[in-house]
Amino acid sequence: MNGDSVDIRESVLIPNRGGAFGGLLGAWMTSGQFRPVPQILLELPPAEQQKLYDEAVVILRRLDWTDIAQLTALVMGNASLQQKLTAVLINYLSKELRAEIQYGE
């Protein structure tokens, strides 16, 4: 990471490789195609969405919140939480999907 804030709406480049997600990635795209992160997340199989959710909840369970609006406000007002959640997402994309993250300006 370059030290700047990361916009998770940025695109990622996912190479067309074999492995556990090879069939899924092959169905998604050809090599070198860029996809927005939200689209990739929506297209993940439910088990993979749950895996990512579980990792994020480890961070969020320490917070006191009652609804999504309150949670959003807590996260958006806390740079440390933003960094931790972004790290979970980047780690998942880069390790599980072997994605190359392209940072925007």
PDB file of N, CA and C in Angstrom:
ATOM      1  N   MET A   1       0.842  -1.161   0.000  1.00  0.00           N
ATOM      2  CA  MET A   1       0.000   0.000   0.000  1.00  0.00           C
ATOM      3  C   MET A   1       0.891   1.228   0.000  1.00  0.00           C
ATOM      4  N   ASN A   2       0.442   2.286  -0.638  1.00  0.00           N
ATOM      5  CA  ASN A   2       1.261   3.474  -0.803  1.00  0.00           C
ATOM      6  C   ASN A   2       1.090   4.493   0.307  1.00  0.00           C
ATOM      7  N   GLY A   3       0.352   4.212   1.347  1.00  0.00           N
ATOM      8  CA  GLY A   3       0.168   5.132   2.447  1.00  0.00           C
ATOM      9  C   GLY A   3      -1.049   6.024   2.295  1.00  0.00           C
ATOM     10  N   ASP A   4      -1.563   6.143   1.092  1.00  0.00           N
ATOM     11  CA  ASP A   4      -2.770   6.926   0.871  1.00  0.00           C
ATOM     12  C   ASP A   4      -3.975   6.107   1.291  1.00  0.00           C
ATOM     13  N   SER A   5      -5.106   6.776   1.495  1.00  0.00           N
ATOM     14  CA  SER A   5      -6.304   6.024   1.831  1.00  0.00           C
ATOM     15  C   SER A   5      -6.713   5.187   0.625  1.00  0.00           C
ATOM     16  N   VAL A   6      -7.297   4.055   0.897  1.00  0.00           N
ATOM     17  CA  VAL A   6      -7.676   3.123  -0.155  1.00  0.00           C
ATOM     18  C   VAL A   6      -9.176   3.165  -0.350  1.00  0.00           C
ATOM     19  N   ASP A   7      -9.593   3.283  -1.587  1.00  0.00           N
ATOM     20  CA  ASP A   7     -11.005   3.270  -1.934  1.00  0.00           C
ATOM     21  C   ASP A   7     -11.325   1.843  -2.372  1.00  0.00           C
ATOM     22  N   ILE A   8     -12.138   1.123  -1.595  1.00  0.00           N
ATOM     23  CA  ILE A   8     -12.383  -0.276  -1.926  1.00  0.00           C
ATOM     24  C   ILE A   8     -13.245  -0.447  -3.164  1.00  0.00           C
ATOM     25  N   ARG A   9     -13.677   0.664  -3.756  1.00  0.00           N
ATOM     26  CA  ARG A   9     -14.393   0.570  -5.014  1.00  0.00           C
ATOM     27  C   ARG A   9     -13.420   0.450  -6.183  1.00  0.00           C
ATOM     28  N   GLU A  10     -12.126   0.461  -5.871  1.00  0.00           N
ATOM     29  CA  GLU A  10     -11.122   0.370  -6.913  1.00  0.00           C
ATOM     30  C   GLU A  10     -11.212  -0.984  -7.597  1.00  0.00           C
ATOM     31  N   SER A  11     -10.570  -1.066  -8.717  1.00  0.00           N
ATOM     32  CA  SER A  11     -10.588  -2.300  -9.488  1.00  0.00           C
ATOM     33  C   SER A  11      -9.435  -3.196  -9.090  1.00  0.00           C
ATOM     34  N   VAL A  12      -9.606  -4.458  -9.376  1.00  0.00           N
ATOM     35  CA  VAL A  12      -8.522  -5.406  -9.183  1.00  0.00           C
ATOM     36  C   VAL A  12      -8.326  -6.176 -10.471  1.00  0.00           C
ATOM     37  N   LEU A  13      -7.110  -6.600 -10.669  1.00  0.00           N
ATOM     38  CA  LEU A  13      -6.771  -7.438 -11.805  1.00  0.00           C
ATOM     39  C   LEU A  13      -6.609  -8.841 -11.259  1.00  0.00           C
ATOM     40  N   ILE A  14      -7.388  -9.764 -11.767  1.00  0.00           N
ATOM     41  CA  ILE A  14      -7.295 -11.135 -11.298  1.00  0.00           C
ATOM     42  C   ILE A  14      -6.722 -11.988 -12.421  1.00  0.00           C
ATOM     43  N   PRO A  15      -5.539 -12.556 -12.194  1.00  0.00           N
ATOM     44  CA  PRO A  15      -4.939 -13.373 -13.231  1.00  0.00           C
ATOM     45  C   PRO A  15      -5.711 -14.674 -13.416  1.00  0.00           C
ATOM     46  N   ASN A  16      -5.707 -15.170 -14.617  1.00  0.00           N
ATOM     47  CA  ASN A  16      -6.384 -16.422 -14.927  1.00  0.00           C
ATOM     48  C   ASN A  16      -5.431 -17.562 -14.593  1.00  0.00           C
ATOM     49  N   ARG A  17      -5.563 -18.116 -13.378  1.00  0.00           N
ATOM     50  CA  ARG A  17      -4.686 -19.183 -12.899  1.00  0.00           C
ATOM     51  C   ARG A  17      -5.511 -20.340 -12.411  1.00  0.00           C
ATOM     52  N   GLY A  18      -4.855 -21.449 -12.213  1.00  0.00           N
ATOM     53  CA  GLY A  18      -5.526 -22.621 -11.671  1.00  0.00           C
ATOM     54  C   GLY A  18      -5.702 -22.486 -10.175  1.00  0.00           C
ATOM     55  N   GLY A  19      -6.050 -23.573  -9.527  1.00  0.00           N
ATOM     56  CA  GLY A  19      -6.207 -23.545  -8.083  1.00  0.00           C
ATOM     57  C   GLY A  19      -7.654 -23.702  -7.677  1.00  0.00           C
ATOM     58  N   ALA A  20      -7.896 -23.517  -6.405  1.00  0.00           N
ATOM     59  CA  ALA A  20      -9.233 -23.727  -5.856  1.00  0.00           C
ATOM     60  C   ALA A  20     -10.288 -22.853  -6.508  1.00  0.00           C
ATOM     61  N   PHE A  21      -9.908 -21.667  -6.891  1.00  0.00           N
ATOM     62  CA  PHE A  21     -10.871 -20.753  -7.494  1.00  0.00           C
ATOM     63  C   PHE A  21     -10.734 -20.702  -9.014  1.00  0.00           C
ATOM     64  N   GLY A  22      -9.941 -21.588  -9.577  1.00  0.00           N
ATOM     65  CA  GLY A  22      -9.697 -21.568 -11.017  1.00  0.00           C
ATOM     66  C   GLY A  22     -10.965 -21.606 -11.851  1.00  0.00           C
ATOM     67  N   GLY A  23     -11.865 -22.508 -11.524  1.00  0.00           N
ATOM     68  CA  GLY A  23     -13.117 -22.590 -12.275  1.00  0.00           C
ATOM     69  C   GLY A  23     -13.959 -21.345 -12.121  1.00  0.00           C
ATOM     70  N   LEU A  24     -14.009 -20.840 -10.895  1.00  0.00           N
ATOM     71  CA  LEU A  24     -14.769 -19.625 -10.634  1.00  0.00           C
ATOM     72  C   LEU A  24     -14.174 -18.444 -11.387  1.00  0.00           C
ATOM     73  N   LEU A  25     -12.861 -18.308 -11.304  1.00  0.00           N
ATOM     74  CA  LEU A  25     -12.214 -17.189 -11.990  1.00  0.00           C
ATOM     75  C   LEU A  25     -12.365 -17.310 -13.495  1.00  0.00           C
ATOM     76  N   GLY A  26     -12.275 -18.521 -13.989  1.00  0.00           N
ATOM     77  CA  GLY A  26     -12.449 -18.723 -15.426  1.00  0.00           C
ATOM     78  C   GLY A  26     -13.837 -18.318 -15.887  1.00  0.00           C
ATOM     79  N   ALA A  27     -14.832 -18.584 -15.051  1.00  0.00           N
ATOM     80  CA  ALA A  27     -16.195 -18.196 -15.389  1.00  0.00           C
ATOM     81  C   ALA A  27     -16.373 -16.679 -15.309  1.00  0.00           C
ATOM     82  N   TRP A  28     -15.641 -16.060 -14.405  1.00  0.00           N
ATOM     83  CA  TRP A  28     -15.768 -14.615 -14.219  1.00  0.00           C
ATOM     84  C   TRP A  28     -15.181 -13.826 -15.364  1.00  0.00           C
ATOM     85  N   MET A  29     -13.954 -14.193 -15.767  1.00  0.00           N
ATOM     86  CA  MET A  29     -13.225 -13.286 -16.653  1.00  0.00           C
ATOM     87  C   MET A  29     -12.084 -13.971 -17.374  1.00  0.00           C
ATOM     88  N   THR A  30     -11.543 -13.270 -18.317  1.00  0.00           N
ATOM     89  CA  THR A  30     -10.327 -13.714 -18.976  1.00  0.00           C
ATOM     90  C   THR A  30      -9.171 -12.972 -18.332  1.00  0.00           C
ATOM     91  N   SER A  31      -7.970 -13.429 -18.574  1.00  0.00           N
ATOM     92  CA  SER A  31      -6.791 -12.829 -17.975  1.00  0.00           C
ATOM     93  C   SER A  31      -6.681 -11.349 -18.322  1.00  0.00           C
ATOM     94  N   GLY A  32      -6.366 -10.536 -17.303  1.00  0.00           N
ATOM     95  CA  GLY A  32      -6.121  -9.126 -17.520  1.00  0.00           C
ATOM     96  C   GLY A  32      -7.347  -8.235 -17.475  1.00  0.00           C
ATOM     97  N   GLN A  33      -8.511  -8.769 -17.216  1.00  0.00           N
ATOM     98  CA  GLN A  33      -9.720  -7.944 -17.168  1.00  0.00           C
ATOM     99  C   GLN A  33      -9.868  -7.348 -15.770  1.00  0.00           C
ATOM    100  N   PHE A  34     -10.201  -6.060 -15.706  1.00  0.00           N
ATOM    101  CA  PHE A  34     -10.383  -5.385 -14.429  1.00  0.00           C
ATOM    102  C   PHE A  34     -11.841  -5.460 -13.998  1.00  0.00           C
ATOM    103  N   ARG A  35     -12.025  -5.657 -12.701  1.00  0.00           N
ATOM    104  CA  ARG A  35     -13.376  -5.739 -12.138  1.00  0.00           C
ATOM    105  C   ARG A  35     -13.440  -4.879 -10.887  1.00  0.00           C
ATOM    106  N   PRO A  36     -14.540  -4.179 -10.675  1.00  0.00           N
ATOM    107  CA  PRO A  36     -14.684  -3.438  -9.418  1.00  0.00           C
ATOM    108  C   PRO A  36     -14.848  -4.401  -8.240  1.00  0.00           C
ATOM    109  N   VAL A  37     -14.281  -4.027  -7.118  1.00  0.00           N
ATOM    110  CA  VAL A  37     -14.323  -4.877  -5.932  1.00  0.00           C
ATOM    111  C   VAL A  37     -15.755  -5.245  -5.532  1.00  0.00           C
ATOM    112  N   PRO A  38     -16.700  -4.298  -5.475  1.00  0.00           N
ATOM    113  CA  PRO A  38     -18.060  -4.698  -5.080  1.00  0.00           C
ATOM    114  C   PRO A  38     -18.655  -5.777  -5.983  1.00  0.00           C
ATOM    115  N   GLN A  39     -18.360  -5.715  -7.264  1.00  0.00           N
ATOM    116  CA  GLN A  39     -18.872  -6.730  -8.185  1.00  0.00           C
ATOM    117  C   GLN A  39     -18.259  -8.087  -7.879  1.00  0.00           C
ATOM    118  N   ILE A  40     -16.977  -8.117  -7.615  1.00  0.00           N
ATOM    119  CA  ILE A  40     -16.306  -9.377  -7.269  1.00  0.00           C
ATOM    120  C   ILE A  40     -16.926  -9.959  -6.003  1.00  0.00           C
ATOM    121  N   LEU A  41     -17.162  -9.120  -5.010  1.00  0.00           N
ATOM    122  CA  LEU A  41     -17.728  -9.598  -3.740  1.00  0.00           C
ATOM    123  C   LEU A  41     -19.129 -10.163  -3.926  1.00  0.00           C
ATOM    124  N   LEU A  42     -19.926  -9.496  -4.750  1.00  0.00           N
ATOM    125  CA  LEU A  42     -21.291  -9.979  -4.993  1.00  0.00           C
ATOM    126  C   LEU A  42     -21.305 -11.304  -5.737  1.00  0.00           C
ATOM    127  N   GLU A  43     -20.292 -11.554  -6.538  1.00  0.00           N
ATOM    128  CA  GLU A  43     -20.236 -12.779  -7.337  1.00  0.00           C
ATOM    129  C   GLU A  43     -19.549 -13.943  -6.622  1.00  0.00           C
ATOM    130  N   LEU A  44     -19.039 -13.700  -5.428  1.00  0.00           N
ATOM    131  CA  LEU A  44     -18.417 -14.787  -4.674  1.00  0.00           C
ATOM    132  C   LEU A  44     -19.479 -15.803  -4.274  1.00  0.00           C
ATOM    133  N   PRO A  45     -19.107 -17.081  -4.233  1.00  0.00           N
ATOM    134  CA  PRO A  45     -20.043 -18.088  -3.715  1.00  0.00           C
ATOM    135  C   PRO A  45     -20.372 -17.765  -2.247  1.00  0.00           C
ATOM    136  N   PRO A  46     -21.556 -18.158  -1.794  1.00  0.00           N
ATOM    137  CA  PRO A  46     -21.957 -17.865  -0.410  1.00  0.00           C
ATOM    138  C   PRO A  46     -20.930 -18.288   0.640  1.00  0.00           C
ATOM    139  N   ALA A  47     -20.282 -19.415   0.466  1.00  0.00           N
ATOM    140  CA  ALA A  47     -19.294 -19.876   1.447  1.00  0.00           C
ATOM    141  C   ALA A  47     -18.106 -18.914   1.525  1.00  0.00           C
ATOM    142  N   GLU A  48     -17.707 -18.357   0.393  1.00  0.00           N
ATOM    143  CA  GLU A  48     -16.593 -17.406   0.372  1.00  0.00           C
ATOM    144  C   GLU A  48     -17.018 -16.054   0.936  1.00  0.00           C
ATOM    145  N   GLN A  49     -18.253 -15.641   0.666  1.00  0.00           N
ATOM    146  CA  GLN A  49     -18.765 -14.414   1.269  1.00  0.00           C
ATOM    147  C   GLN A  49     -18.778 -14.558   2.794  1.00  0.00           C
ATOM    148  N   GLN A  50     -19.192 -15.713   3.276  1.00  0.00           N
ATOM    149  CA  GLN A  50     -19.237 -15.969   4.719  1.00  0.00           C
ATOM    150  C   GLN A  50     -17.837 -15.932   5.314  1.00  0.00           C
ATOM    151  N   LYS A  51     -16.875 -16.498   4.610  1.00  0.00           N
ATOM    152  CA  LYS A  51     -15.493 -16.509   5.079  1.00  0.00           C
ATOM    153  C   LYS A  51     -14.972 -15.081   5.250  1.00  0.00           C
ATOM    154  N   LEU A  52     -15.222 -14.233   4.273  1.00  0.00           N
ATOM    155  CA  LEU A  52     -14.797 -12.837   4.347  1.00  0.00           C
ATOM    156  C   LEU A  52     -15.555 -12.101   5.458  1.00  0.00           C
ATOM    157  N   TYR A  53     -16.844 -12.340   5.554  1.00  0.00           N
ATOM    158  CA  TYR A  53     -17.674 -11.750   6.616  1.00  0.00           C
ATOM    159  C   TYR A  53     -17.123 -12.119   7.991  1.00  0.00           C
ATOM    160  N   ASP A  54     -16.807 -13.396   8.177  1.00  0.00           N
ATOM    161  CA  ASP A  54     -16.299 -13.860   9.471  1.00  0.00           C
ATOM    162  C   ASP A  54     -15.005 -13.138   9.850  1.00  0.00           C
ATOM    163  N   GLU A  55     -14.149 -12.891   8.868  1.00  0.00           N
ATOM    164  CA  GLU A  55     -12.901 -12.174   9.137  1.00  0.00           C
ATOM    165  C   GLU A  55     -13.174 -10.728   9.538  1.00  0.00           C
ATOM    166  N   ALA A  56     -14.138 -10.091   8.892  1.00  0.00           N
ATOM    167  CA  ALA A  56     -14.478  -8.702   9.218  1.00  0.00           C
ATOM    168  C   ALA A  56     -15.135  -8.607  10.593  1.00  0.00           C
ATOM    169  N   VAL A  57     -15.954  -9.583  10.941  1.00  0.00           N
ATOM    170  CA  VAL A  57     -16.662  -9.567  12.224  1.00  0.00           C
ATOM    171  C   VAL A  57     -15.689  -9.634  13.394  1.00  0.00           C
ATOM    172  N   VAL A  58     -14.553 -10.259  13.208  1.00  0.00           N
ATOM    173  CA  VAL A  58     -13.552 -10.297  14.274  1.00  0.00           C
ATOM    174  C   VAL A  58     -13.187  -8.872  14.692  1.00  0.00           C
ATOM    175  N   ILE A  59     -13.133  -7.959  13.738  1.00  0.00           N
ATOM    176  CA  ILE A  59     -12.828  -6.553  14.016  1.00  0.00           C
ATOM    177  C   ILE A  59     -14.058  -5.827  14.546  1.00  0.00           C
ATOM    178  N   LEU A  60     -15.203  -6.068  13.927  1.00  0.00           N
ATOM    179  CA  LEU A  60     -16.416  -5.305  14.243  1.00  0.00           C
ATOM    180  C   LEU A  60     -17.092  -5.717  15.541  1.00  0.00           C
ATOM    181  N   ARG A  61     -16.858  -6.924  16.014  1.00  0.00           N
ATOM    182  CA  ARG A  61     -17.563  -7.391  17.220  1.00  0.00           C
ATOM    183  C   ARG A  61     -17.154  -6.615  18.464  1.00  0.00           C
ATOM    184  N   ARG A  62     -16.032  -5.943  18.409  1.00  0.00           N
ATOM    185  CA  ARG A  62     -15.576  -5.156  19.551  1.00  0.00           C
ATOM    186  C   ARG A  62     -16.314  -3.823  19.668  1.00  0.00           C
ATOM    187  N   LEU A  63     -17.063  -3.463  18.632  1.00  0.00           N
ATOM    188  CA  LEU A  63     -17.768  -2.188  18.604  1.00  0.00           C
ATOM    189  C   LEU A  63     -19.164  -2.330  19.193  1.00  0.00           C
ATOM    190  N   ASP A  64     -19.667  -1.239  19.712  1.00  0.00           N
ATOM    191  CA  ASP A  64     -21.020  -1.204  20.260  1.00  0.00           C
ATOM    192  C   ASP A  64     -21.916  -0.496  19.244  1.00  0.00           C
ATOM    193  N   TRP A  65     -22.695  -1.280  18.486  1.00  0.00           N
ATOM    194  CA  TRP A  65     -23.568  -0.705  17.458  1.00  0.00           C
ATOM    195  C   TRP A  65     -24.870  -1.485  17.399  1.00  0.00           C
ATOM    196  N   THR A  66     -25.938  -0.797  16.957  1.00  0.00           N
ATOM    197  CA  THR A  66     -27.254  -1.427  16.927  1.00  0.00           C
ATOM    198  C   THR A  66     -27.826  -1.570  15.523  1.00  0.00           C
ATOM    199  N   ASP A  67     -27.349  -0.768  14.579  1.00  0.00           N
ATOM    200  CA  ASP A  67     -27.846  -0.891  13.202  1.00  0.00           C
ATOM    201  C   ASP A  67     -26.733  -0.509  12.220  1.00  0.00           C
ATOM    202  N   ILE A  68     -26.988  -0.752  10.950  1.00  0.00           N
ATOM    203  CA  ILE A  68     -25.964  -0.538   9.928  1.00  0.00           C
ATOM    204  C   ILE A  68     -25.568   0.930   9.807  1.00  0.00           C
ATOM    205  N   ALA A  69     -26.508   1.846  10.028  1.00  0.00           N
ATOM    206  CA  ALA A  69     -26.184   3.276   9.961  1.00  0.00           C
ATOM    207  C   ALA A  69     -25.179   3.646  11.057  1.00  0.00           C
ATOM    208  N   GLN A  70     -25.404   3.132  12.245  1.00  0.00           N
ATOM    209  CA  GLN A  70     -24.492   3.407  13.349  1.00  0.00           C
ATOM    210  C   GLN A  70     -23.127   2.765  13.097  1.00  0.00           C
ATOM    211  N   LEU A  71     -23.121   1.537  12.601  1.00  0.00           N
ATOM    212  CA  LEU A  71     -21.870   0.856  12.289  1.00  0.00           C
ATOM    213  C   LEU A  71     -21.095   1.625  11.222  1.00  0.00           C
ATOM    214  N   THR A  72     -21.784   2.067  10.192  1.00  0.00           N
ATOM    215  CA  THR A  72     -21.139   2.830   9.123  1.00  0.00           C
ATOM    216  C   THR A  72     -20.512   4.103   9.680  1.00  0.00           C
ATOM    217  N   ALA A  73     -21.240   4.808  10.526  1.00  0.00           N
ATOM    218  CA  ALA A  73     -20.715   6.036  11.125  1.00  0.00           C
ATOM    219  C   ALA A  73     -19.476   5.746  11.987  1.00  0.00           C
ATOM    220  N   LEU A  74     -19.510   4.663  12.749  1.00  0.00           N
ATOM    221  CA  LEU A  74     -18.362   4.301  13.578  1.00  0.00           C
ATOM    222  C   LEU A  74     -17.135   4.010  12.726  1.00  0.00           C
ATOM    223  N   VAL A  75     -17.317   3.248  11.676  1.00  0.00           N
ATOM    224  CA  VAL A  75     -16.192   2.883  10.809  1.00  0.00           C
ATOM    225  C   VAL A  75     -15.674   4.101  10.042  1.00  0.00           C
ATOM    226  N   MET A  76     -16.582   4.876   9.488  1.00  0.00           N
ATOM    227  CA  MET A  76     -16.167   6.031   8.691  1.00  0.00           C
ATOM    228  C   MET A  76     -15.488   7.104   9.542  1.00  0.00           C
ATOM    229  N   GLY A  77     -15.758   7.114  10.825  1.00  0.00           N
ATOM    230  CA  GLY A  77     -15.142   8.083  11.718  1.00  0.00           C
ATOM    231  C   GLY A  77     -13.871   7.592  12.382  1.00  0.00           C
ATOM    232  N   ASN A  78     -13.397   6.414  11.995  1.00  0.00           N
ATOM    233  CA  ASN A  78     -12.237   5.830  12.658  1.00  0.00           C
ATOM    234  C   ASN A  78     -11.256   5.296  11.617  1.00  0.00           C
ATOM    235  N   ALA A  79     -10.179   6.023  11.388  1.00  0.00           N
ATOM    236  CA  ALA A  79      -9.197   5.638  10.369  1.00  0.00           C
ATOM    237  C   ALA A  79      -8.574   4.276  10.663  1.00  0.00           C
ATOM    238  N   SER A  80      -8.373   3.964  11.930  1.00  0.00           N
ATOM    239  CA  SER A  80      -7.788   2.677  12.295  1.00  0.00           C
ATOM    240  C   SER A  80      -8.705   1.516  11.887  1.00  0.00           C
ATOM    241  N   LEU A  81      -9.996   1.656  12.162  1.00  0.00           N
ATOM    242  CA  LEU A  81     -10.953   0.619  11.758  1.00  0.00           C
ATOM    243  C   LEU A  81     -10.988   0.475  10.238  1.00  0.00           C
ATOM    244  N   GLN A  82     -10.964   1.607   9.545  1.00  0.00           N
ATOM    245  CA  GLN A  82     -10.965   1.576   8.081  1.00  0.00           C
ATOM    246  C   GLN A  82      -9.749   0.810   7.570  1.00  0.00           C
ATOM    247  N   GLN A  83      -8.591   1.075   8.162  1.00  0.00           N
ATOM    248  CA  GLN A  83      -7.371   0.392   7.742  1.00  0.00           C
ATOM    249  C   GLN A  83      -7.447  -1.111   8.015  1.00  0.00           C
ATOM    250  N   LYS A  84      -7.964  -1.474   9.173  1.00  0.00           N
ATOM    251  CA  LYS A  84      -8.074  -2.892   9.522  1.00  0.00           C
ATOM    252  C   LYS A  84      -9.026  -3.625   8.584  1.00  0.00           C
ATOM    253  N   LEU A  85     -10.177  -3.022   8.304  1.00  0.00           N
ATOM    254  CA  LEU A  85     -11.145  -3.661   7.407  1.00  0.00           C
ATOM    255  C   LEU A  85     -10.627  -3.709   5.976  1.00  0.00           C
ATOM    256  N   THR A  86      -9.950  -2.650   5.553  1.00  0.00           N
ATOM    257  CA  THR A  86      -9.357  -2.643   4.212  1.00  0.00           C
ATOM    258  C   THR A  86      -8.294  -3.728   4.111  1.00  0.00           C
ATOM    259  N   ALA A  87      -7.511  -3.906   5.166  1.00  0.00           N
ATOM    260  CA  ALA A  87      -6.480  -4.949   5.170  1.00  0.00           C
ATOM    261  C   ALA A  87      -7.103  -6.338   5.044  1.00  0.00           C
ATOM    262  N   VAL A  88      -8.233  -6.564   5.721  1.00  0.00           N
ATOM    263  CA  VAL A  88      -8.931  -7.853   5.603  1.00  0.00           C
ATOM    264  C   VAL A  88      -9.336  -8.087   4.155  1.00  0.00           C
ATOM    265  N   LEU A  89      -9.896  -7.067   3.536  1.00  0.00           N
ATOM    266  CA  LEU A  89     -10.353  -7.189   2.155  1.00  0.00           C
ATOM    267  C   LEU A  89      -9.184  -7.393   1.187  1.00  0.00           C
ATOM    268  N   ILE A  90      -8.146  -6.596   1.335  1.00  0.00           N
ATOM    269  CA  ILE A  90      -6.983  -6.724   0.455  1.00  0.00           C
ATOM    270  C   ILE A  90      -6.327  -8.083   0.632  1.00  0.00           C
ATOM    271  N   ASN A  91      -6.200  -8.530   1.872  1.00  0.00           N
ATOM    272  CA  ASN A  91      -5.608  -9.842   2.144  1.00  0.00           C
ATOM    273  C   ASN A  91      -6.428 -10.948   1.477  1.00  0.00           C
ATOM    274  N   TYR A  92      -7.741 -10.867   1.607  1.00  0.00           N
ATOM    275  CA  TYR A  92      -8.599 -11.881   0.987  1.00  0.00           C
ATOM    276  C   TYR A  92      -8.434 -11.872  -0.527  1.00  0.00           C
ATOM    277  N   LEU A  93      -8.524 -10.696  -1.130  1.00  0.00           N
ATOM    278  CA  LEU A  93      -8.426 -10.593  -2.591  1.00  0.00           C
ATOM    279  C   LEU A  93      -7.075 -11.063  -3.103  1.00  0.00           C
ATOM    280  N   SER A  94      -6.019 -10.689  -2.411  1.00  0.00           N
ATOM    281  CA  SER A  94      -4.690 -11.041  -2.902  1.00  0.00           C
ATOM    282  C   SER A  94      -4.299 -12.487  -2.603  1.00  0.00           C
ATOM    283  N   LYS A  95      -4.686 -13.009  -1.448  1.00  0.00           N
ATOM    284  CA  LYS A  95      -4.292 -14.384  -1.100  1.00  0.00           C
ATOM    285  C   LYS A  95      -5.270 -15.435  -1.619  1.00  0.00           C
ATOM    286  N   GLU A  96      -6.546 -15.218  -1.406  1.00  0.00           N
ATOM    287  CA  GLU A  96      -7.534 -16.218  -1.806  1.00  0.00           C
ATOM    288  C   GLU A  96      -7.809 -16.198  -3.310  1.00  0.00           C
ATOM    289  N   LEU A  97      -7.905 -15.006  -3.875  1.00  0.00           N
ATOM    290  CA  LEU A  97      -8.216 -14.899  -5.303  1.00  0.00           C
ATOM    291  C   LEU A  97      -6.986 -14.582  -6.153  1.00  0.00           C
ATOM    292  N   ARG A  98      -5.857 -14.389  -5.479  1.00  0.00           N
ATOM    293  CA  ARG A  98      -4.610 -14.026  -6.155  1.00  0.00           C
ATOM    294  C   ARG A  98      -4.810 -12.825  -7.070  1.00  0.00           C
ATOM    295  N   ALA A  99      -5.508 -11.836  -6.551  1.00  0.00           N
ATOM    296  CA  ALA A  99      -5.807 -10.622  -7.309  1.00  0.00           C
ATOM    297  C   ALA A  99      -4.688  -9.606  -7.156  1.00  0.00           C
ATOM    298  N   GLU A 100      -4.456  -8.872  -8.209  1.00  0.00           N
ATOM    299  CA  GLU A 100      -3.526  -7.751  -8.170  1.00  0.00           C
ATOM    300  C   GLU A 100      -4.360  -6.493  -8.016  1.00  0.00           C
ATOM    301  N   ILE A 101      -4.141  -5.773  -6.960  1.00  0.00           N
ATOM    302  CA  ILE A 101      -4.954  -4.589  -6.698  1.00  0.00           C
ATOM    303  C   ILE A 101      -4.325  -3.382  -7.373  1.00  0.00           C
ATOM    304  N   GLN A 102      -5.134  -2.684  -8.137  1.00  0.00           N
ATOM    305  CA  GLN A 102      -4.708  -1.481  -8.835  1.00  0.00           C
ATOM    306  C   GLN A 102      -5.292  -0.284  -8.100  1.00  0.00           C
ATOM    307  N   TYR A 103      -4.443   0.541  -7.507  1.00  0.00           N
ATOM    308  CA  TYR A 103      -4.884   1.694  -6.742  1.00  0.00           C
ATOM    309  C   TYR A 103      -5.148   2.881  -7.656  1.00  0.00           C
ATOM    310  N   GLY A 104      -6.295   3.529  -7.457  1.00  0.00           N
ATOM    311  CA  GLY A 104      -6.634   4.723  -8.215  1.00  0.00           C
ATOM    312  C   GLY A 104      -6.004   5.947  -7.575  1.00  0.00           C
ATOM    313  N   GLU A 105      -6.199   7.072  -8.215  1.00  0.00           N
ATOM    314  CA  GLU A 105      -5.626   8.314  -7.682  1.00  0.00           C
ATOM    315  C   GLU A 105      -6.639   9.050  -6.862  1.00  0.00           C
TER     316      GLU A 105
END
